[in-house]
Amino acid sequence: MKTILRNLLLAVLILLMQTTAAKAQAFDDAGQYMDHISKANEKLTAVYLSYTSALAHKNARKQEKRRSDVLNAIIDTKAIIMGMPPWKGDRSYKDSTAAYLKLLNIVFNEDYAKIVNMEEIAEQSYDAMEAYLLAQEKADEKLEEARVRQHNGSLSFAKKNNINLIEGESEIGRKSKIVSDLNKHCNDVYLVFFKPYKQEMYLLDALQKGNLIAIEQNINSLEKFTKEGEEKLKTFEGFNSDPSLIAACQEALVFYQSEATRTKNLSDFFLKKENFDKMKKAFDAKRNNDRTKTDIDNFNNSVNEMNAASKEYNKLNDQLNKERTAMLNNWNKKYGRYLEEHMPVQRKQ
């Protein structure tokens, strides 16, 4: 209801602004006209950068308030632009800005809404996570393309009206490009980390169930994905020549490789347990009077061996759990620090 009321009020506002534009907004020169549009766009960009930069922490659902702020800022900016008259009969700059705002509205209203929904299932599989991060990158690309197109429209208007512009992009434009590039880099590294991370979950589930076939299959897959990840990381360059995120990912891969190797010993435990269970079943099936001394000695030896194997299993499992916790804490800490160091701080103007 609030949205409907807001849109109705906006429509009335735009109509009033358009009918009184000549009186309400008289621009002395083209530079002042251009500056009015540029300032409105920069204010909007500041709002949406605060949202897109926050998404790097992969918490789209928690950022819905910021996305709502962006959509409201687009509406407000549109009201400003639509309330302006053409510059001496030339509508090109005003219309191109209106088209830019329309595209932004589509991206934040539709693309990012899909991203929020995709986040709910992103952790379920590597393919789902890859699709989720790719959707973010595509949205970033659309925003960057729209920003560049609007920037070129500004240059065209300036040239047409003999306005001398300072070379280079605005600070807001520069930050926008950094956010897009940084998100792409972090996503690429994150996917290298996530593939063995997710595969390890399948392995732990197989260990929990004691499924020997699944254990062997998942160990092989974990080794494969770890090696593939190591090769992929060799092709990456650190953002702004900072390799610390790549190094953190490498440290995670070292753990997963070591875990895959040592987990083979855990699979041996389940094989021994399987053999022991068969032997115990046969031993229990015999009546006490039918059990020979050899039967009893063999069973007792098997019990001792099984107890020793269980002790080793628990020891190795505890060690892996501690190393896994340390690795994940290190990864999360360095990932967060990387974003803090390189993500531009942008507060709404």
Protein backbone atom coordinates (compact mmCIF):
# COMPACT_ATOMS: atom_id res chain seq x y z
CA MET A 1 0.00 0.00 0.00
CA LYS A 2 2.84 2.35 0.87
CA THR A 3 4.52 1.60 -2.47
CA ILE A 4 1.32 2.31 -4.42
CA LEU A 5 0.79 5.58 -2.56
CA ARG A 6 4.41 6.57 -3.13
CA ASN A 7 4.14 5.89 -6.88
CA LEU A 8 0.90 7.91 -7.12
CA LEU A 9 2.51 10.82 -5.32
CA LEU A 10 5.52 10.52 -7.61
CA ALA A 11 3.32 10.63 -10.71
CA VAL A 12 1.65 13.79 -9.44
CA LEU A 13 5.01 15.28 -8.53
CA ILE A 14 6.48 14.57 -11.96
CA LEU A 15 3.42 16.08 -13.67
CA LEU A 16 3.68 19.23 -11.59
CA MET A 17 7.40 19.49 -12.19
CA GLN A 18 7.01 19.06 -15.92
CA THR A 19 4.29 21.68 -16.23
CA THR A 20 6.28 24.22 -14.22
CA ALA A 21 9.78 23.22 -15.32
CA ALA A 22 10.49 26.38 -17.22
CA LYS A 23 9.66 28.49 -14.18
CA ALA A 24 10.92 26.19 -11.45
CA GLN A 25 14.27 25.34 -13.00
CA ALA A 26 16.00 27.94 -15.07
CA PHE A 27 19.58 26.98 -15.90
CA ASP A 28 21.96 29.77 -16.79
CA ASP A 29 24.21 27.63 -18.94
CA ALA A 30 24.81 24.07 -20.18
CA GLY A 31 27.41 23.46 -17.50
CA GLN A 32 24.92 24.16 -14.75
CA TYR A 33 22.38 21.91 -16.50
CA MET A 34 24.90 19.10 -16.77
CA ASP A 35 26.08 19.55 -13.18
CA HIS A 36 22.50 19.20 -11.93
CA ILE A 37 22.13 15.79 -13.62
CA SER A 38 25.62 14.65 -12.62
CA LYS A 39 25.07 15.41 -8.94
CA ALA A 40 21.74 13.54 -8.94
CA ASN A 41 23.38 10.51 -10.56
CA GLU A 42 26.36 10.54 -8.20
CA LYS A 43 24.09 10.63 -5.18
CA LEU A 44 22.21 7.62 -6.55
CA THR A 45 25.44 5.77 -7.36
CA ALA A 46 26.62 6.29 -3.78
CA VAL A 47 23.45 4.59 -2.52
CA TYR A 48 23.73 1.57 -4.79
CA LEU A 49 27.46 1.16 -4.16
CA SER A 50 26.77 0.83 -0.43
CA TYR A 51 24.48 -2.08 -1.38
CA THR A 52 26.62 -3.86 -3.98
CA SER A 53 29.75 -3.65 -1.83
CA ALA A 54 27.86 -5.19 1.10
CA LEU A 55 26.88 -8.17 -1.07
CA ALA A 56 30.53 -9.23 -1.23
CA HIS A 57 29.97 -10.75 2.22
CA LYS A 58 27.33 -13.05 0.68
CA ASN A 59 24.41 -11.97 2.82
CA ALA A 60 21.92 -10.71 0.26
CA ARG A 61 18.89 -11.45 2.44
CA LYS A 62 20.26 -9.25 5.22
CA GLN A 63 20.79 -6.38 2.76
CA GLU A 64 17.18 -6.10 1.59
CA LYS A 65 16.73 -2.80 3.40
CA ARG A 66 19.63 -1.35 1.40
CA ARG A 67 18.16 -2.65 -1.85
CA SER A 68 14.89 -0.96 -0.97
CA ASP A 69 16.84 2.25 -0.36
CA VAL A 70 18.37 1.92 -3.83
CA LEU A 71 14.97 1.50 -5.51
CA ASN A 72 13.64 4.53 -3.65
CA ALA A 73 16.73 6.52 -4.64
CA ILE A 74 16.12 5.60 -8.30
CA ILE A 75 12.55 6.89 -8.02
CA ASP A 76 13.74 10.12 -6.40
CA THR A 77 16.42 10.65 -9.04
CA LYS A 78 13.92 9.99 -11.82
CA ALA A 79 11.68 12.68 -10.35
CA ILE A 80 14.56 15.14 -10.49
CA ILE A 81 15.46 14.29 -14.09
CA MET A 82 11.90 14.22 -15.40
CA GLY A 83 11.28 17.58 -13.78
CA MET A 84 14.03 19.17 -15.86
CA PRO A 85 13.32 20.82 -19.21
CA PRO A 86 15.25 19.82 -22.34
CA TRP A 87 18.36 21.89 -22.86
CA LYS A 88 17.39 24.41 -25.52
CA GLY A 89 15.04 21.90 -27.11
CA ASP A 90 17.63 19.09 -27.04
CA ARG A 91 16.22 16.09 -25.10
CA SER A 92 19.09 13.69 -25.81
CA TYR A 93 20.94 14.05 -22.49
CA LYS A 94 17.76 14.05 -20.42
CA ASP A 95 16.35 11.04 -22.30
CA SER A 96 19.59 9.05 -22.10
CA THR A 97 19.66 9.66 -18.34
CA ALA A 98 16.04 8.51 -18.06
CA ALA A 99 16.97 5.34 -19.99
CA TYR A 100 19.91 4.82 -17.63
CA LEU A 101 17.61 5.09 -14.59
CA LYS A 102 15.16 2.67 -16.18
CA LEU A 103 17.93 0.10 -16.62
CA LEU A 104 19.06 0.55 -13.01
CA ASN A 105 15.52 -0.03 -11.85
CA ILE A 106 15.34 -3.29 -13.80
CA VAL A 107 18.66 -4.53 -12.44
CA PHE A 108 17.91 -3.76 -8.79
CA ASN A 109 14.25 -4.70 -8.95
CA GLU A 110 14.62 -7.93 -10.94
CA ASP A 111 18.22 -9.16 -11.15
CA TYR A 112 19.03 -8.59 -7.50
CA ALA A 113 15.67 -9.99 -6.39
CA LYS A 114 16.66 -13.25 -8.14
CA ILE A 115 20.05 -13.11 -6.43
CA VAL A 116 18.36 -12.90 -3.02
CA ASN A 117 16.31 -16.00 -3.83
CA MET A 118 19.32 -17.87 -5.23
CA GLU A 119 21.28 -17.24 -2.04
CA GLU A 120 18.93 -19.54 -0.12
CA ILE A 121 20.08 -22.59 -2.10
CA ALA A 122 23.61 -21.48 -3.03
CA GLU A 123 25.24 -23.59 -0.30
CA GLN A 124 23.52 -26.78 -1.45
CA SER A 125 25.94 -27.54 -4.27
CA TYR A 126 28.90 -26.19 -6.20
CA ASP A 127 26.73 -25.62 -9.27
CA ALA A 128 24.23 -23.62 -7.21
CA MET A 129 26.99 -21.49 -5.69
CA GLU A 130 28.57 -20.92 -9.09
CA ALA A 131 25.20 -19.83 -10.53
CA TYR A 132 24.61 -17.51 -7.57
CA LEU A 133 27.99 -15.79 -7.90
CA LEU A 134 27.67 -15.62 -11.69
CA ALA A 135 24.31 -13.87 -11.32
CA GLN A 136 25.99 -11.27 -9.12
CA GLU A 137 28.74 -10.75 -11.67
CA LYS A 138 26.23 -10.36 -14.49
CA ALA A 139 24.32 -7.76 -12.47
CA ASP A 140 27.60 -5.94 -11.76
CA GLU A 141 28.42 -6.01 -15.47
CA LYS A 142 25.04 -4.51 -16.36
CA LEU A 143 25.58 -1.73 -13.84
CA GLU A 144 29.07 -1.03 -15.13
CA GLU A 145 27.90 -1.00 -18.76
CA ALA A 146 25.05 1.36 -17.85
CA ARG A 147 27.41 3.64 -15.92
CA VAL A 148 29.89 3.79 -18.81
CA ARG A 149 27.10 4.52 -21.27
CA GLN A 150 25.81 7.34 -19.07
CA HIS A 151 29.35 8.67 -18.68
CA ASN A 152 29.76 8.69 -22.47
CA GLY A 153 26.44 10.53 -22.74
CA SER A 154 27.82 13.17 -20.41
CA LEU A 155 30.94 13.52 -22.55
CA SER A 156 28.81 13.86 -25.67
CA PHE A 157 26.66 16.57 -24.09
CA ALA A 158 29.76 18.40 -22.87
CA LYS A 159 31.37 18.31 -26.31
CA LYS A 160 28.19 19.46 -28.03
CA ASN A 161 27.91 22.42 -25.68
CA ASN A 162 31.59 23.33 -25.45
CA ILE A 163 31.95 22.34 -21.80
CA ASN A 164 35.51 21.65 -20.67
CA LEU A 165 35.57 18.59 -18.41
CA ILE A 166 38.38 17.51 -16.11
CA GLU A 167 40.01 14.39 -17.52
CA GLY A 168 39.25 11.08 -15.83
CA GLU A 169 36.29 9.58 -14.05
CA SER A 170 34.60 10.87 -10.93
CA GLU A 171 35.48 9.37 -7.55
CA ILE A 172 32.12 7.59 -7.50
CA GLY A 173 32.75 6.13 -10.95
CA ARG A 174 36.19 4.92 -9.90
CA LYS A 175 34.75 3.22 -6.82
CA SER A 176 32.04 1.57 -8.88
CA LYS A 177 34.64 -0.03 -11.14
CA ILE A 178 36.67 -1.21 -8.13
CA VAL A 179 33.63 -2.86 -6.53
CA SER A 180 32.84 -4.73 -9.75
CA ASP A 181 36.44 -5.90 -10.30
CA LEU A 182 36.97 -6.86 -6.66
CA ASN A 183 33.76 -8.88 -6.51
CA LYS A 184 34.80 -10.77 -9.66
CA HIS A 185 38.24 -11.59 -8.22
CA CYS A 186 36.88 -12.68 -4.84
CA ASN A 187 34.20 -14.83 -6.48
CA ASP A 188 36.79 -16.59 -8.65
CA VAL A 189 38.94 -17.45 -5.63
CA TYR A 190 35.92 -18.36 -3.51
CA LEU A 191 34.74 -20.93 -6.04
CA VAL A 192 38.17 -22.62 -5.95
CA PHE A 193 37.78 -22.86 -2.17
CA PHE A 194 34.12 -23.89 -2.23
CA LYS A 195 34.51 -26.90 -4.52
CA PRO A 196 36.65 -29.02 -2.12
CA TYR A 197 34.81 -27.47 0.85
CA LYS A 198 31.53 -28.89 -0.45
CA GLN A 199 33.13 -32.17 -1.51
CA GLU A 200 34.49 -32.63 2.01
CA MET A 201 30.92 -32.43 3.33
CA TYR A 202 29.98 -35.39 1.13
CA LEU A 203 33.01 -37.26 2.43
CA LEU A 204 32.14 -36.56 6.08
CA ASP A 205 28.60 -37.76 5.43
CA ALA A 206 29.95 -41.01 3.93
CA LEU A 207 32.22 -41.46 6.96
CA GLN A 208 29.28 -40.87 9.30
CA LYS A 209 27.34 -43.60 7.52
CA GLY A 210 30.35 -45.91 7.25
CA ASN A 211 29.71 -46.35 3.51
CA LEU A 212 33.01 -47.73 2.17
CA ILE A 213 32.19 -47.27 -1.50
CA ALA A 214 31.05 -43.67 -0.97
CA ILE A 215 34.11 -42.97 1.21
CA GLU A 216 36.51 -44.09 -1.52
CA GLN A 217 34.64 -42.18 -4.22
CA ASN A 218 34.59 -38.98 -2.20
CA ILE A 219 38.26 -39.25 -1.25
CA ASN A 220 39.15 -39.52 -4.94
CA SER A 221 36.93 -36.55 -5.81
CA LEU A 222 38.40 -34.46 -2.99
CA GLU A 223 41.93 -35.17 -4.23
CA LYS A 224 40.90 -34.33 -7.79
CA PHE A 225 39.22 -31.02 -6.91
CA THR A 226 42.14 -30.01 -4.69
CA LYS A 227 44.66 -30.55 -7.49
CA GLU A 228 42.43 -28.75 -9.98
CA GLY A 229 42.13 -25.84 -7.56
CA GLU A 230 45.89 -25.61 -7.10
CA GLU A 231 46.37 -25.37 -10.86
CA LYS A 232 43.65 -22.76 -11.20
CA LEU A 233 45.13 -20.57 -8.48
CA LYS A 234 48.37 -20.41 -10.47
CA THR A 235 46.50 -18.47 -13.16
CA PHE A 236 45.18 -15.83 -10.74
CA GLU A 237 46.74 -12.52 -9.82
CA GLY A 238 46.04 -10.77 -6.55
CA PHE A 239 43.74 -7.76 -6.62
CA ASN A 240 45.91 -4.64 -6.60
CA SER A 241 48.90 -7.01 -6.47
CA ASP A 242 47.74 -8.39 -3.11
CA PRO A 243 48.06 -12.21 -3.16
CA SER A 244 46.85 -12.77 0.42
CA LEU A 245 43.41 -14.15 -0.55
CA ILE A 246 45.00 -16.55 -3.03
CA ALA A 247 47.46 -17.60 -0.32
CA ALA A 248 44.60 -18.23 2.13
CA CYS A 249 42.88 -20.40 -0.47
CA GLN A 250 46.11 -22.32 -1.04
CA GLU A 251 46.35 -22.98 2.70
CA ALA A 252 42.82 -24.40 2.62
CA LEU A 253 43.69 -26.65 -0.31
CA VAL A 254 46.76 -27.95 1.55
CA PHE A 255 44.47 -29.06 4.37
CA TYR A 256 41.97 -30.72 2.02
CA GLN A 257 44.77 -32.58 0.23
CA SER A 258 46.19 -33.76 3.55
CA GLU A 259 42.72 -34.73 4.75
CA ALA A 260 42.08 -36.80 1.63
CA THR A 261 45.38 -38.65 2.10
CA ARG A 262 44.90 -39.32 5.80
CA THR A 263 41.22 -40.21 5.47
CA LYS A 264 42.29 -43.32 3.58
CA ASN A 265 43.34 -44.60 7.00
CA LEU A 266 39.83 -43.93 8.25
CA SER A 267 38.41 -45.97 5.41
CA ASP A 268 40.72 -48.82 6.47
CA PHE A 269 39.07 -48.65 9.88
CA PHE A 270 35.64 -49.28 8.35
CA LEU A 271 37.04 -52.22 6.38
CA LYS A 272 38.43 -53.71 9.60
CA LYS A 273 35.13 -53.04 11.34
CA GLU A 274 33.24 -54.76 8.55
CA ASN A 275 35.47 -57.85 8.85
CA PHE A 276 35.25 -57.79 12.64
CA ASP A 277 31.44 -57.60 12.54
CA LYS A 278 31.35 -60.67 10.28
CA MET A 279 33.69 -62.57 12.59
CA LYS A 280 31.73 -61.54 15.69
CA LYS A 281 28.49 -62.63 14.07
CA ALA A 282 29.98 -66.07 13.32
CA PHE A 283 31.47 -66.31 16.82
CA ASP A 284 28.18 -65.34 18.51
CA ALA A 285 26.34 -67.90 16.38
CA LYS A 286 28.31 -70.71 18.05
CA ARG A 287 27.20 -72.09 21.38
CA ASN A 288 29.71 -71.76 24.22
CA ASN A 289 30.37 -75.50 24.25
CA ASP A 290 31.14 -75.46 20.51
CA ARG A 291 33.75 -72.71 20.73
CA THR A 292 37.31 -73.94 20.60
CA LYS A 293 40.26 -72.30 22.32
CA THR A 294 41.43 -71.17 18.90
CA ASP A 295 38.03 -69.55 18.26
CA ILE A 296 38.21 -67.70 21.54
CA ASP A 297 41.82 -66.61 21.07
CA ASN A 298 41.14 -65.39 17.53
CA PHE A 299 38.09 -63.48 18.70
CA ASN A 300 39.93 -61.88 21.61
CA ASN A 301 42.78 -60.86 19.28
CA SER A 302 40.25 -59.33 16.90
CA VAL A 303 38.65 -57.40 19.75
CA ASN A 304 42.05 -56.02 20.77
CA GLU A 305 42.85 -55.08 17.18
CA MET A 306 39.44 -53.43 16.79
CA ASN A 307 39.90 -51.44 20.00
CA ALA A 308 43.33 -50.27 18.83
CA ALA A 309 41.90 -49.34 15.42
CA SER A 310 39.06 -47.42 17.08
CA LYS A 311 41.54 -45.53 19.22
CA GLU A 312 43.56 -44.54 16.14
CA TYR A 313 40.40 -43.62 14.27
CA ASN A 314 39.20 -41.32 17.05
CA LYS A 315 42.66 -39.77 17.41
CA LEU A 316 42.94 -38.99 13.69
CA ASN A 317 39.34 -37.80 13.49
CA ASP A 318 39.86 -35.42 16.42
CA GLN A 319 43.05 -34.10 14.84
CA LEU A 320 41.32 -33.47 11.51
CA ASN A 321 38.43 -31.72 13.26
CA LYS A 322 40.83 -29.34 15.02
CA GLU A 323 42.78 -28.64 11.82
CA ARG A 324 39.56 -28.09 9.89
CA THR A 325 38.29 -25.58 12.44
CA ALA A 326 41.62 -23.72 12.37
CA MET A 327 41.65 -23.68 8.57
CA LEU A 328 38.08 -22.36 8.27
CA ASN A 329 38.72 -19.68 10.89
CA ASN A 330 41.84 -18.61 9.01
CA TRP A 331 40.01 -18.55 5.66
CA ASN A 332 37.04 -16.55 7.00
CA LYS A 333 39.31 -14.11 8.81
CA LYS A 334 41.53 -13.46 5.78
CA TYR A 335 38.58 -13.27 3.38
CA GLY A 336 36.92 -10.65 5.58
CA ARG A 337 40.17 -8.72 6.00
CA TYR A 338 40.74 -8.76 2.23
CA LEU A 339 37.35 -7.18 1.60
CA GLU A 340 37.91 -4.59 4.31
CA GLU A 341 41.26 -3.59 2.80
CA HIS A 342 40.19 -3.36 -0.83
CA MET A 343 36.45 -2.64 -0.86
CA PRO A 344 35.82 1.11 -1.22
CA VAL A 345 33.96 2.58 1.72
CA GLN A 346 30.87 4.24 0.38
CA ARG A 347 28.26 5.90 2.54
CA LYS A 348 25.04 7.34 1.21
CA GLN A 349 25.42 11.03 0.43
